[in-house]
mmCIF file of all heavy atoms, coordinates in Angstrom:
data_MODEL
# 
_entry.id   MODEL 
# 
loop_
_atom_site.group_PDB 
_atom_site.id 
_atom_site.type_symbol 
_atom_site.label_atom_id 
_atom_site.label_alt_id 
_atom_site.label_comp_id 
_atom_site.label_asym_id 
_atom_site.label_entity_id 
_atom_site.label_seq_id 
_atom_site.pdbx_PDB_ins_code 
_atom_site.Cartn_x 
_atom_site.Cartn_y 
_atom_site.Cartn_z 
_atom_site.occupancy 
_atom_site.B_iso_or_equiv 
_atom_site.pdbx_formal_charge 
_atom_site.auth_seq_id 
_atom_site.auth_comp_id 
_atom_site.auth_asym_id 
_atom_site.auth_atom_id 
_atom_site.pdbx_PDB_model_num 
ATOM 1   N N   . PHE A 1 1  ? 118.464 15.377 -27.563 1.00 0.00 ? 1  PHE A N   1 
ATOM 2   C CA  . PHE A 1 1  ? 118.497 16.129 -28.822 1.00 0.00 ? 1  PHE A CA  1 
ATOM 3   C C   . PHE A 1 1  ? 118.286 17.628 -28.640 1.00 0.00 ? 1  PHE A C   1 
ATOM 4   O O   . PHE A 1 1  ? 118.245 18.369 -29.613 1.00 0.00 ? 1  PHE A O   1 
ATOM 5   C CB  . PHE A 1 1  ? 117.455 15.565 -29.791 1.00 0.00 ? 1  PHE A CB  1 
ATOM 6   C CG  . PHE A 1 1  ? 117.688 14.132 -30.166 1.00 0.00 ? 1  PHE A CG  1 
ATOM 7   C CD1 . PHE A 1 1  ? 116.996 13.118 -29.536 1.00 0.00 ? 1  PHE A CD1 1 
ATOM 8   C CD2 . PHE A 1 1  ? 118.620 13.803 -31.130 1.00 0.00 ? 1  PHE A CD2 1 
ATOM 9   C CE1 . PHE A 1 1  ? 117.209 11.786 -29.872 1.00 0.00 ? 1  PHE A CE1 1 
ATOM 10  C CE2 . PHE A 1 1  ? 118.850 12.486 -31.476 1.00 0.00 ? 1  PHE A CE2 1 
ATOM 11  C CZ  . PHE A 1 1  ? 118.149 11.467 -30.847 1.00 0.00 ? 1  PHE A CZ  1 
ATOM 12  N N   . ASN A 1 2  ? 118.118 18.095 -27.418 1.00 0.00 ? 2  ASN A N   1 
ATOM 13  C CA  . ASN A 1 2  ? 117.986 19.518 -27.100 1.00 0.00 ? 2  ASN A CA  1 
ATOM 14  C C   . ASN A 1 2  ? 116.803 20.169 -27.800 1.00 0.00 ? 2  ASN A C   1 
ATOM 15  O O   . ASN A 1 2  ? 116.807 21.368 -28.084 1.00 0.00 ? 2  ASN A O   1 
ATOM 16  C CB  . ASN A 1 2  ? 119.269 20.282 -27.435 1.00 0.00 ? 2  ASN A CB  1 
ATOM 17  C CG  . ASN A 1 2  ? 119.350 21.614 -26.721 1.00 0.00 ? 2  ASN A CG  1 
ATOM 18  O OD1 . ASN A 1 2  ? 118.870 21.752 -25.593 1.00 0.00 ? 2  ASN A OD1 1 
ATOM 19  N ND2 . ASN A 1 2  ? 119.964 22.595 -27.352 1.00 0.00 ? 2  ASN A ND2 1 
ATOM 20  N N   . GLY A 1 3  ? 115.790 19.386 -28.087 1.00 0.00 ? 3  GLY A N   1 
ATOM 21  C CA  . GLY A 1 3  ? 114.520 19.903 -28.549 1.00 0.00 ? 3  GLY A CA  1 
ATOM 22  C C   . GLY A 1 3  ? 114.574 20.777 -29.779 1.00 0.00 ? 3  GLY A C   1 
ATOM 23  O O   . GLY A 1 3  ? 115.330 20.528 -30.724 1.00 0.00 ? 3  GLY A O   1 
ATOM 24  N N   . PHE A 1 4  ? 113.749 21.835 -29.741 1.00 0.00 ? 4  PHE A N   1 
ATOM 25  C CA  . PHE A 1 4  ? 113.585 22.708 -30.897 1.00 0.00 ? 4  PHE A CA  1 
ATOM 26  C C   . PHE A 1 4  ? 114.875 23.439 -31.261 1.00 0.00 ? 4  PHE A C   1 
ATOM 27  O O   . PHE A 1 4  ? 115.137 23.712 -32.430 1.00 0.00 ? 4  PHE A O   1 
ATOM 28  C CB  . PHE A 1 4  ? 112.478 23.734 -30.608 1.00 0.00 ? 4  PHE A CB  1 
ATOM 29  C CG  . PHE A 1 4  ? 112.174 24.637 -31.763 1.00 0.00 ? 4  PHE A CG  1 
ATOM 30  C CD1 . PHE A 1 4  ? 111.334 24.221 -32.780 1.00 0.00 ? 4  PHE A CD1 1 
ATOM 31  C CD2 . PHE A 1 4  ? 112.728 25.910 -31.843 1.00 0.00 ? 4  PHE A CD2 1 
ATOM 32  C CE1 . PHE A 1 4  ? 111.053 25.049 -33.856 1.00 0.00 ? 4  PHE A CE1 1 
ATOM 33  C CE2 . PHE A 1 4  ? 112.446 26.744 -32.904 1.00 0.00 ? 4  PHE A CE2 1 
ATOM 34  C CZ  . PHE A 1 4  ? 111.606 26.317 -33.917 1.00 0.00 ? 4  PHE A CZ  1 
ATOM 35  N N   . THR A 1 5  ? 115.698 23.740 -30.272 1.00 0.00 ? 5  THR A N   1 
ATOM 36  C CA  . THR A 1 5  ? 116.931 24.498 -30.526 1.00 0.00 ? 5  THR A CA  1 
ATOM 37  C C   . THR A 1 5  ? 117.982 23.670 -31.252 1.00 0.00 ? 5  THR A C   1 
ATOM 38  O O   . THR A 1 5  ? 118.687 24.172 -32.133 1.00 0.00 ? 5  THR A O   1 
ATOM 39  C CB  . THR A 1 5  ? 117.519 25.021 -29.206 1.00 0.00 ? 5  THR A CB  1 
ATOM 40  O OG1 . THR A 1 5  ? 116.521 25.780 -28.532 1.00 0.00 ? 5  THR A OG1 1 
ATOM 41  C CG2 . THR A 1 5  ? 118.748 25.870 -29.458 1.00 0.00 ? 5  THR A CG2 1 
ATOM 42  N N   . GLY A 1 6  ? 118.093 22.407 -30.894 1.00 0.00 ? 6  GLY A N   1 
ATOM 43  C CA  . GLY A 1 6  ? 119.118 21.572 -31.505 1.00 0.00 ? 6  GLY A CA  1 
ATOM 44  C C   . GLY A 1 6  ? 120.498 21.901 -30.972 1.00 0.00 ? 6  GLY A C   1 
ATOM 45  O O   . GLY A 1 6  ? 120.665 22.376 -29.847 1.00 0.00 ? 6  GLY A O   1 
ATOM 46  N N   . TYR A 1 7  ? 121.501 21.673 -31.799 1.00 0.00 ? 7  TYR A N   1 
ATOM 47  C CA  . TYR A 1 7  ? 122.893 21.895 -31.400 1.00 0.00 ? 7  TYR A CA  1 
ATOM 48  C C   . TYR A 1 7  ? 123.571 22.854 -32.369 1.00 0.00 ? 7  TYR A C   1 
ATOM 49  O O   . TYR A 1 7  ? 123.307 22.828 -33.574 1.00 0.00 ? 7  TYR A O   1 
ATOM 50  C CB  . TYR A 1 7  ? 123.665 20.580 -31.381 1.00 0.00 ? 7  TYR A CB  1 
ATOM 51  C CG  . TYR A 1 7  ? 123.221 19.620 -30.305 1.00 0.00 ? 7  TYR A CG  1 
ATOM 52  C CD1 . TYR A 1 7  ? 122.391 18.555 -30.612 1.00 0.00 ? 7  TYR A CD1 1 
ATOM 53  C CD2 . TYR A 1 7  ? 123.623 19.781 -28.988 1.00 0.00 ? 7  TYR A CD2 1 
ATOM 54  C CE1 . TYR A 1 7  ? 121.971 17.664 -29.637 1.00 0.00 ? 7  TYR A CE1 1 
ATOM 55  C CE2 . TYR A 1 7  ? 123.211 18.906 -27.997 1.00 0.00 ? 7  TYR A CE2 1 
ATOM 56  C CZ  . TYR A 1 7  ? 122.389 17.849 -28.331 1.00 0.00 ? 7  TYR A CZ  1 
ATOM 57  O OH  . TYR A 1 7  ? 121.977 16.975 -27.347 1.00 0.00 ? 7  TYR A OH  1 
ATOM 58  N N   . ALA A 1 8  ? 124.450 23.666 -31.814 1.00 0.00 ? 8  ALA A N   1 
ATOM 59  C CA  . ALA A 1 8  ? 125.261 24.584 -32.619 1.00 0.00 ? 8  ALA A CA  1 
ATOM 60  C C   . ALA A 1 8  ? 126.722 24.399 -32.240 1.00 0.00 ? 8  ALA A C   1 
ATOM 61  O O   . ALA A 1 8  ? 127.051 23.718 -31.270 1.00 0.00 ? 8  ALA A O   1 
ATOM 62  C CB  . ALA A 1 8  ? 124.825 26.029 -32.393 1.00 0.00 ? 8  ALA A CB  1 
ATOM 63  N N   . GLY A 1 9  ? 127.586 25.027 -33.026 1.00 0.00 ? 9  GLY A N   1 
ATOM 64  C CA  . GLY A 1 9  ? 129.007 24.965 -32.734 1.00 0.00 ? 9  GLY A CA  1 
ATOM 65  C C   . GLY A 1 9  ? 129.636 23.619 -33.021 1.00 0.00 ? 9  GLY A C   1 
ATOM 66  O O   . GLY A 1 9  ? 130.630 23.249 -32.398 1.00 0.00 ? 9  GLY A O   1 
ATOM 67  N N   . VAL A 1 10 ? 129.076 22.867 -33.974 1.00 0.00 ? 10 VAL A N   1 
ATOM 68  C CA  . VAL A 1 10 ? 129.653 21.577 -34.376 1.00 0.00 ? 10 VAL A CA  1 
ATOM 69  C C   . VAL A 1 10 ? 130.591 21.846 -35.553 1.00 0.00 ? 10 VAL A C   1 
ATOM 70  O O   . VAL A 1 10 ? 130.137 22.195 -36.651 1.00 0.00 ? 10 VAL A O   1 
ATOM 71  C CB  . VAL A 1 10 ? 128.557 20.575 -34.771 1.00 0.00 ? 10 VAL A CB  1 
ATOM 72  C CG1 . VAL A 1 10 ? 129.175 19.207 -35.067 1.00 0.00 ? 10 VAL A CG1 1 
ATOM 73  C CG2 . VAL A 1 10 ? 127.507 20.469 -33.674 1.00 0.00 ? 10 VAL A CG2 1 
ATOM 74  N N   . GLU A 1 11 ? 131.872 21.691 -35.329 1.00 0.00 ? 11 GLU A N   1 
ATOM 75  C CA  . GLU A 1 11 ? 132.865 22.072 -36.333 1.00 0.00 ? 11 GLU A CA  1 
ATOM 76  C C   . GLU A 1 11 ? 133.805 20.919 -36.648 1.00 0.00 ? 11 GLU A C   1 
ATOM 77  O O   . GLU A 1 11 ? 134.042 20.053 -35.791 1.00 0.00 ? 11 GLU A O   1 
ATOM 78  C CB  . GLU A 1 11 ? 133.674 23.276 -35.837 1.00 0.00 ? 11 GLU A CB  1 
ATOM 79  C CG  . GLU A 1 11 ? 132.833 24.518 -35.574 1.00 0.00 ? 11 GLU A CG  1 
ATOM 80  C CD  . GLU A 1 11 ? 133.672 25.689 -35.118 1.00 0.00 ? 11 GLU A CD  1 
ATOM 81  O OE1 . GLU A 1 11 ? 134.879 25.469 -34.860 1.00 0.00 ? 11 GLU A OE1 1 
ATOM 82  O OE2 . GLU A 1 11 ? 133.131 26.804 -35.023 1.00 0.00 ? 11 GLU A OE2 1 
ATOM 83  N N   . PRO A 1 12 ? 134.346 20.916 -37.856 1.00 0.00 ? 12 PRO A N   1 
ATOM 84  C CA  . PRO A 1 12 ? 135.326 19.882 -38.208 1.00 0.00 ? 12 PRO A CA  1 
ATOM 85  C C   . PRO A 1 12 ? 136.655 20.143 -37.519 1.00 0.00 ? 12 PRO A C   1 
ATOM 86  O O   . PRO A 1 12 ? 136.934 21.272 -37.071 1.00 0.00 ? 12 PRO A O   1 
ATOM 87  C CB  . PRO A 1 12 ? 135.446 20.019 -39.733 1.00 0.00 ? 12 PRO A CB  1 
ATOM 88  C CG  . PRO A 1 12 ? 135.103 21.445 -40.004 1.00 0.00 ? 12 PRO A CG  1 
ATOM 89  C CD  . PRO A 1 12 ? 134.060 21.812 -38.981 1.00 0.00 ? 12 PRO A CD  1 
ATOM 90  N N   . PRO A 1 13 ? 137.510 19.142 -37.440 1.00 0.00 ? 13 PRO A N   1 
ATOM 91  C CA  . PRO A 1 13 ? 138.810 19.339 -36.780 1.00 0.00 ? 13 PRO A CA  1 
ATOM 92  C C   . PRO A 1 13 ? 139.775 20.130 -37.653 1.00 0.00 ? 13 PRO A C   1 
ATOM 93  O O   . PRO A 1 13 ? 139.547 20.302 -38.860 1.00 0.00 ? 13 PRO A O   1 
ATOM 94  C CB  . PRO A 1 13 ? 139.314 17.901 -36.572 1.00 0.00 ? 13 PRO A CB  1 
ATOM 95  C CG  . PRO A 1 13 ? 138.676 17.135 -37.684 1.00 0.00 ? 13 PRO A CG  1 
ATOM 96  C CD  . PRO A 1 13 ? 137.322 17.754 -37.898 1.00 0.00 ? 13 PRO A CD  1 
ATOM 97  N N   . THR A 1 14 ? 140.816 20.601 -37.057 1.00 0.00 ? 14 THR A N   1 
ATOM 98  C CA  . THR A 1 14 ? 141.906 21.252 -37.787 1.00 0.00 ? 14 THR A CA  1 
ATOM 99  C C   . THR A 1 14 ? 143.039 20.247 -37.937 1.00 0.00 ? 14 THR A C   1 
ATOM 100 O O   . THR A 1 14 ? 143.650 19.825 -36.955 1.00 0.00 ? 14 THR A O   1 
ATOM 101 C CB  . THR A 1 14 ? 142.405 22.496 -37.038 1.00 0.00 ? 14 THR A CB  1 
ATOM 102 O OG1 . THR A 1 14 ? 141.322 23.424 -36.907 1.00 0.00 ? 14 THR A OG1 1 
ATOM 103 C CG2 . THR A 1 14 ? 143.547 23.164 -37.788 1.00 0.00 ? 14 THR A CG2 1 
ATOM 104 N N   . LEU A 1 15 ? 143.304 19.838 -39.171 1.00 0.00 ? 15 LEU A N   1 
ATOM 105 C CA  . LEU A 1 15 ? 144.318 18.832 -39.453 1.00 0.00 ? 15 LEU A CA  1 
ATOM 106 C C   . LEU A 1 15 ? 145.287 19.351 -40.502 1.00 0.00 ? 15 LEU A C   1 
ATOM 107 O O   . LEU A 1 15 ? 144.878 20.071 -41.437 1.00 0.00 ? 15 LEU A O   1 
ATOM 108 C CB  . LEU A 1 15 ? 143.673 17.535 -39.954 1.00 0.00 ? 15 LEU A CB  1 
ATOM 109 C CG  . LEU A 1 15 ? 142.791 16.766 -38.954 1.00 0.00 ? 15 LEU A CG  1 
ATOM 110 C CD1 . LEU A 1 15 ? 142.131 15.583 -39.645 1.00 0.00 ? 15 LEU A CD1 1 
ATOM 111 C CD2 . LEU A 1 15 ? 143.604 16.301 -37.765 1.00 0.00 ? 15 LEU A CD2 1 
ATOM 112 N N   . PHE A 1 16 ? 146.550 18.960 -40.361 1.00 0.00 ? 16 PHE A N   1 
ATOM 113 C CA  . PHE A 1 16 ? 147.592 19.354 -41.312 1.00 0.00 ? 16 PHE A CA  1 
ATOM 114 C C   . PHE A 1 16 ? 147.650 20.874 -41.482 1.00 0.00 ? 16 PHE A C   1 
ATOM 115 O O   . PHE A 1 16 ? 147.953 21.380 -42.579 1.00 0.00 ? 16 PHE A O   1 
ATOM 116 C CB  . PHE A 1 16 ? 147.360 18.688 -42.672 1.00 0.00 ? 16 PHE A CB  1 
ATOM 117 C CG  . PHE A 1 16 ? 147.131 17.211 -42.589 1.00 0.00 ? 16 PHE A CG  1 
ATOM 118 C CD1 . PHE A 1 16 ? 145.876 16.674 -42.869 1.00 0.00 ? 16 PHE A CD1 1 
ATOM 119 C CD2 . PHE A 1 16 ? 148.155 16.356 -42.215 1.00 0.00 ? 16 PHE A CD2 1 
ATOM 120 C CE1 . PHE A 1 16 ? 145.653 15.318 -42.794 1.00 0.00 ? 16 PHE A CE1 1 
ATOM 121 C CE2 . PHE A 1 16 ? 147.943 14.990 -42.133 1.00 0.00 ? 16 PHE A CE2 1 
ATOM 122 C CZ  . PHE A 1 16 ? 146.692 14.461 -42.417 1.00 0.00 ? 16 PHE A CZ  1 
ATOM 123 N N   . GLY A 1 17 ? 147.326 21.574 -40.424 1.00 0.00 ? 17 GLY A N   1 
ATOM 124 C CA  . GLY A 1 17 ? 147.364 23.025 -40.469 1.00 0.00 ? 17 GLY A CA  1 
ATOM 125 C C   . GLY A 1 17 ? 146.209 23.656 -41.218 1.00 0.00 ? 17 GLY A C   1 
ATOM 126 O O   . GLY A 1 17 ? 146.230 24.859 -41.506 1.00 0.00 ? 17 GLY A O   1 
ATOM 127 N N   . LEU A 1 18 ? 145.167 22.882 -41.549 1.00 0.00 ? 18 LEU A N   1 
ATOM 128 C CA  . LEU A 1 18 ? 144.025 23.382 -42.307 1.00 0.00 ? 18 LEU A CA  1 
ATOM 129 C C   . LEU A 1 18 ? 142.770 23.313 -41.451 1.00 0.00 ? 18 LEU A C   1 
ATOM 130 O O   . LEU A 1 18 ? 142.523 22.309 -40.770 1.00 0.00 ? 18 LEU A O   1 
ATOM 131 C CB  . LEU A 1 18 ? 143.812 22.559 -43.582 1.00 0.00 ? 18 LEU A CB  1 
ATOM 132 C CG  . LEU A 1 18 ? 144.905 22.621 -44.643 1.00 0.00 ? 18 LEU A CG  1 
ATOM 133 C CD1 . LEU A 1 18 ? 144.591 21.633 -45.763 1.00 0.00 ? 18 LEU A CD1 1 
ATOM 134 C CD2 . LEU A 1 18 ? 145.028 24.028 -45.214 1.00 0.00 ? 18 LEU A CD2 1 
ATOM 135 N N   . TYR A 1 19 ? 141.993 24.388 -41.499 1.00 0.00 ? 19 TYR A N   1 
ATOM 136 C CA  . TYR A 1 19 ? 140.675 24.383 -40.886 1.00 0.00 ? 19 TYR A CA  1 
ATOM 137 C C   . TYR A 1 19 ? 139.702 23.913 -41.966 1.00 0.00 ? 19 TYR A C   1 
ATOM 138 O O   . TYR A 1 19 ? 139.441 24.605 -42.939 1.00 0.00 ? 19 TYR A O   1 
ATOM 139 C CB  . TYR A 1 19 ? 140.301 25.770 -40.388 1.00 0.00 ? 19 TYR A CB  1 
ATOM 140 C CG  . TYR A 1 19 ? 138.921 25.856 -39.795 1.00 0.00 ? 19 TYR A CG  1 
ATOM 141 C CD1 . TYR A 1 19 ? 138.522 24.994 -38.779 1.00 0.00 ? 19 TYR A CD1 1 
ATOM 142 C CD2 . TYR A 1 19 ? 138.014 26.810 -40.248 1.00 0.00 ? 19 TYR A CD2 1 
ATOM 143 C CE1 . TYR A 1 19 ? 137.258 25.077 -38.225 1.00 0.00 ? 19 TYR A CE1 1 
ATOM 144 C CE2 . TYR A 1 19 ? 136.743 26.908 -39.694 1.00 0.00 ? 19 TYR A CE2 1 
ATOM 145 C CZ  . TYR A 1 19 ? 136.378 26.032 -38.686 1.00 0.00 ? 19 TYR A CZ  1 
ATOM 146 O OH  . TYR A 1 19 ? 135.122 26.108 -38.143 1.00 0.00 ? 19 TYR A OH  1 
ATOM 147 N N   . TRP A 1 20 ? 139.147 22.717 -41.778 1.00 0.00 ? 20 TRP A N   1 
ATOM 148 C CA  . TRP A 1 20 ? 138.436 22.044 -42.855 1.00 0.00 ? 20 TRP A CA  1 
ATOM 149 C C   . TRP A 1 20 ? 137.057 22.616 -43.145 1.00 0.00 ? 20 TRP A C   1 
ATOM 150 O O   . TRP A 1 20 ? 136.351 22.093 -44.019 1.00 0.00 ? 20 TRP A O   1 
ATOM 151 C CB  . TRP A 1 20 ? 138.348 20.551 -42.559 1.00 0.00 ? 20 TRP A CB  1 
ATOM 152 C CG  . TRP A 1 20 ? 139.673 19.889 -42.723 1.00 0.00 ? 20 TRP A CG  1 
ATOM 153 C CD1 . TRP A 1 20 ? 140.600 19.653 -41.753 1.00 0.00 ? 20 TRP A CD1 1 
ATOM 154 C CD2 . TRP A 1 20 ? 140.246 19.429 -43.944 1.00 0.00 ? 20 TRP A CD2 1 
ATOM 155 N NE1 . TRP A 1 20 ? 141.719 19.070 -42.296 1.00 0.00 ? 20 TRP A NE1 1 
ATOM 156 C CE2 . TRP A 1 20 ? 141.526 18.919 -43.635 1.00 0.00 ? 20 TRP A CE2 1 
ATOM 157 C CE3 . TRP A 1 20 ? 139.809 19.400 -45.264 1.00 0.00 ? 20 TRP A CE3 1 
ATOM 158 C CZ2 . TRP A 1 20 ? 142.363 18.379 -44.596 1.00 0.00 ? 20 TRP A CZ2 1 
ATOM 159 C CZ3 . TRP A 1 20 ? 140.640 18.861 -46.225 1.00 0.00 ? 20 TRP A CZ3 1 
ATOM 160 C CH2 . TRP A 1 20 ? 141.891 18.358 -45.895 1.00 0.00 ? 20 TRP A CH2 1 
ATOM 161 N N   . ARG A 1 21 ? 136.667 23.683 -42.435 1.00 0.00 ? 21 ARG A N   1 
ATOM 162 C CA  . ARG A 1 21 ? 135.418 24.338 -42.803 1.00 0.00 ? 21 ARG A CA  1 
ATOM 163 C C   . ARG A 1 21 ? 135.667 25.530 -43.718 1.00 0.00 ? 21 ARG A C   1 
ATOM 164 O O   . ARG A 1 21 ? 134.701 26.141 -44.215 1.00 0.00 ? 21 ARG A O   1 
ATOM 165 C CB  . ARG A 1 21 ? 134.672 24.793 -41.542 1.00 0.00 ? 21 ARG A CB  1 
ATOM 166 C CG  . ARG A 1 21 ? 133.183 24.977 -41.795 1.00 0.00 ? 21 ARG A CG  1 
ATOM 167 C CD  . ARG A 1 21 ? 132.463 25.493 -40.583 1.00 0.00 ? 21 ARG A CD  1 
ATOM 168 N NE  . ARG A 1 21 ? 131.067 25.815 -40.901 1.00 0.00 ? 21 ARG A NE  1 
ATOM 169 C CZ  . ARG A 1 21 ? 130.300 26.578 -40.168 1.00 0.00 ? 21 ARG A CZ  1 
ATOM 170 N NH1 . ARG A 1 21 ? 130.770 27.112 -39.051 1.00 0.00 ? 21 ARG A NH1 1 
ATOM 171 N NH2 . ARG A 1 21 ? 129.060 26.826 -40.517 1.00 0.00 ? 21 ARG A NH2 1 
ATOM 172 N N   . ASP A 1 22 ? 136.917 25.883 -43.943 1.00 0.00 ? 22 ASP A N   1 
ATOM 173 C CA  . ASP A 1 22 ? 137.209 26.904 -44.941 1.00 0.00 ? 22 ASP A CA  1 
ATOM 174 C C   . ASP A 1 22 ? 136.730 26.422 -46.306 1.00 0.00 ? 22 ASP A C   1 
ATOM 175 O O   . ASP A 1 22 ? 136.763 25.213 -46.587 1.00 0.00 ? 22 ASP A O   1 
ATOM 176 C CB  . ASP A 1 22 ? 138.704 27.203 -44.979 1.00 0.00 ? 22 ASP A CB  1 
ATOM 177 C CG  . ASP A 1 22 ? 139.159 27.981 -43.753 1.00 0.00 ? 22 ASP A CG  1 
ATOM 178 O OD1 . ASP A 1 22 ? 138.302 28.651 -43.131 1.00 0.00 ? 22 ASP A OD1 1 
ATOM 179 O OD2 . ASP A 1 22 ? 140.357 27.913 -43.405 1.00 0.00 ? 22 ASP A OD2 1 
ATOM 180 N N   . PRO A 1 23 ? 136.294 27.326 -47.178 1.00 0.00 ? 23 PRO A N   1 
ATOM 181 C CA  . PRO A 1 23 ? 135.641 26.907 -48.433 1.00 0.00 ? 23 PRO A CA  1 
ATOM 182 C C   . PRO A 1 23 ? 136.448 25.928 -49.277 1.00 0.00 ? 23 PRO A C   1 
ATOM 183 O O   . PRO A 1 23 ? 135.917 24.887 -49.682 1.00 0.00 ? 23 PRO A O   1 
ATOM 184 C CB  . PRO A 1 23 ? 135.435 28.245 -49.166 1.00 0.00 ? 23 PRO A CB  1 
ATOM 185 C CG  . PRO A 1 23 ? 135.318 29.246 -48.089 1.00 0.00 ? 23 PRO A CG  1 
ATOM 186 C CD  . PRO A 1 23 ? 136.256 28.792 -47.005 1.00 0.00 ? 23 PRO A CD  1 
ATOM 187 N N   . ILE A 1 24 ? 137.711 26.222 -49.550 1.00 0.00 ? 24 ILE A N   1 
ATOM 188 C CA  . ILE A 1 24 ? 138.469 25.371 -50.460 1.00 0.00 ? 24 ILE A CA  1 
ATOM 189 C C   . ILE A 1 24 ? 138.782 24.004 -49.850 1.00 0.00 ? 24 ILE A C   1 
ATOM 190 O O   . ILE A 1 24 ? 138.521 22.960 -50.484 1.00 0.00 ? 24 ILE A O   1 
ATOM 191 C CB  . ILE A 1 24 ? 139.748 26.085 -50.923 1.00 0.00 ? 24 ILE A CB  1 
ATOM 192 C CG1 . ILE A 1 24 ? 139.378 27.294 -51.788 1.00 0.00 ? 24 ILE A CG1 1 
ATOM 193 C CG2 . ILE A 1 24 ? 140.650 25.132 -51.702 1.00 0.00 ? 24 ILE A CG2 1 
ATOM 194 C CD1 . ILE A 1 24 ? 140.563 28.096 -52.278 1.00 0.00 ? 24 ILE A CD1 1 
ATOM 195 N N   . PRO A 1 25 ? 139.322 23.910 -48.613 1.00 0.00 ? 25 PRO A N   1 
ATOM 196 C CA  . PRO A 1 25 ? 139.532 22.572 -48.038 1.00 0.00 ? 25 PRO A CA  1 
ATOM 197 C C   . PRO A 1 25 ? 138.240 21.771 -47.900 1.00 0.00 ? 25 PRO A C   1 
ATOM 198 O O   . PRO A 1 25 ? 138.221 20.565 -48.168 1.00 0.00 ? 25 PRO A O   1 
ATOM 199 C CB  . PRO A 1 25 ? 140.157 22.866 -46.672 1.00 0.00 ? 25 PRO A CB  1 
ATOM 200 C CG  . PRO A 1 25 ? 140.768 24.215 -46.810 1.00 0.00 ? 25 PRO A CG  1 
ATOM 201 C CD  . PRO A 1 25 ? 139.858 24.959 -47.730 1.00 0.00 ? 25 PRO A CD  1 
ATOM 202 N N   . PHE A 1 26 ? 137.160 22.432 -47.487 1.00 0.00 ? 26 PHE A N   1 
ATOM 203 C CA  . PHE A 1 26 ? 135.894 21.713 -47.324 1.00 0.00 ? 26 PHE A CA  1 
ATOM 204 C C   . PHE A 1 26 ? 135.377 21.211 -48.660 1.00 0.00 ? 26 PHE A C   1 
ATOM 205 O O   . PHE A 1 26 ? 134.851 20.093 -48.759 1.00 0.00 ? 26 PHE A O   1 
ATOM 206 C CB  . PHE A 1 26 ? 134.860 22.622 -46.665 1.00 0.00 ? 26 PHE A CB  1 
ATOM 207 C CG  . PHE A 1 26 ? 133.588 21.918 -46.291 1.00 0.00 ? 26 PHE A CG  1 
ATOM 208 C CD1 . PHE A 1 26 ? 133.513 21.194 -45.108 1.00 0.00 ? 26 PHE A CD1 1 
ATOM 209 C CD2 . PHE A 1 26 ? 132.473 21.980 -47.110 1.00 0.00 ? 26 PHE A CD2 1 
ATOM 210 C CE1 . PHE A 1 26 ? 132.344 20.536 -44.756 1.00 0.00 ? 26 PHE A CE1 1 
ATOM 211 C CE2 . PHE A 1 26 ? 131.309 21.322 -46.768 1.00 0.00 ? 26 PHE A CE2 1 
ATOM 212 C CZ  . PHE A 1 26 ? 131.237 20.594 -45.585 1.00 0.00 ? 26 PHE A CZ  1 
ATOM 213 N N   . TYR A 1 27 ? 135.525 22.011 -49.714 1.00 0.00 ? 27 TYR A N   1 
ATOM 214 C CA  . TYR A 1 27 ? 135.067 21.592 -51.035 1.00 0.00 ? 27 TYR A CA  1 
ATOM 215 C C   . TYR A 1 27 ? 135.825 20.356 -51.504 1.00 0.00 ? 27 TYR A C   1 
ATOM 216 O O   . TYR A 1 27 ? 135.215 19.393 -51.987 1.00 0.00 ? 27 TYR A O   1 
ATOM 217 C CB  . TYR A 1 27 ? 135.246 22.733 -52.040 1.00 0.00 ? 27 TYR A CB  1 
ATOM 218 C CG  . TYR A 1 27 ? 135.038 22.299 -53.474 1.00 0.00 ? 27 TYR A CG  1 
ATOM 219 C CD1 . TYR A 1 27 ? 133.759 22.191 -54.004 1.00 0.00 ? 27 TYR A CD1 1 
ATOM 220 C CD2 . TYR A 1 27 ? 136.122 21.981 -54.290 1.00 0.00 ? 27 TYR A CD2 1 
ATOM 221 C CE1 . TYR A 1 27 ? 133.563 21.776 -55.313 1.00 0.00 ? 27 TYR A CE1 1 
ATOM 222 C CE2 . TYR A 1 27 ? 135.933 21.566 -55.595 1.00 0.00 ? 27 TYR A CE2 1 
ATOM 223 C CZ  . TYR A 1 27 ? 134.652 21.465 -56.109 1.00 0.00 ? 27 TYR A CZ  1 
ATOM 224 O OH  . TYR A 1 27 ? 134.466 21.042 -57.401 1.00 0.00 ? 27 TYR A OH  1 
ATOM 225 N N   . TYR A 1 28 ? 137.152 20.373 -51.363 1.00 0.00 ? 28 TYR A N   1 
ATOM 226 C CA  . TYR A 1 28 ? 137.933 19.233 -51.842 1.00 0.00 ? 28 TYR A CA  1 
ATOM 227 C C   . TYR A 1 28 ? 137.669 17.982 -51.003 1.00 0.00 ? 28 TYR A C   1 
ATOM 228 O O   . TYR A 1 28 ? 137.668 16.862 -51.527 1.00 0.00 ? 28 TYR A O   1 
ATOM 229 C CB  . TYR A 1 28 ? 139.420 19.574 -51.846 1.00 0.00 ? 28 TYR A CB  1 
ATOM 230 C CG  . TYR A 1 28 ? 139.833 20.400 -53.042 1.00 0.00 ? 28 TYR A CG  1 
ATOM 231 C CD1 . TYR A 1 28 ? 140.361 21.679 -52.892 1.00 0.00 ? 28 TYR A CD1 1 
ATOM 232 C CD2 . TYR A 1 28 ? 139.687 19.906 -54.333 1.00 0.00 ? 28 TYR A CD2 1 
ATOM 233 C CE1 . TYR A 1 28 ? 140.732 22.443 -53.993 1.00 0.00 ? 28 TYR A CE1 1 
ATOM 234 C CE2 . TYR A 1 28 ? 140.052 20.655 -55.440 1.00 0.00 ? 28 TYR A CE2 1 
ATOM 235 C CZ  . TYR A 1 28 ? 140.578 21.919 -55.259 1.00 0.00 ? 28 TYR A CZ  1 
ATOM 236 O OH  . TYR A 1 28 ? 140.939 22.664 -56.359 1.00 0.00 ? 28 TYR A OH  1 
# 
């Protein structure tokens, strides 16, 4: 679990030409 620091850089995949962490795709 990498202790106190934890993990960073965990991102959703890019599907159908959309980056799913962008506000509108992520909201829907």
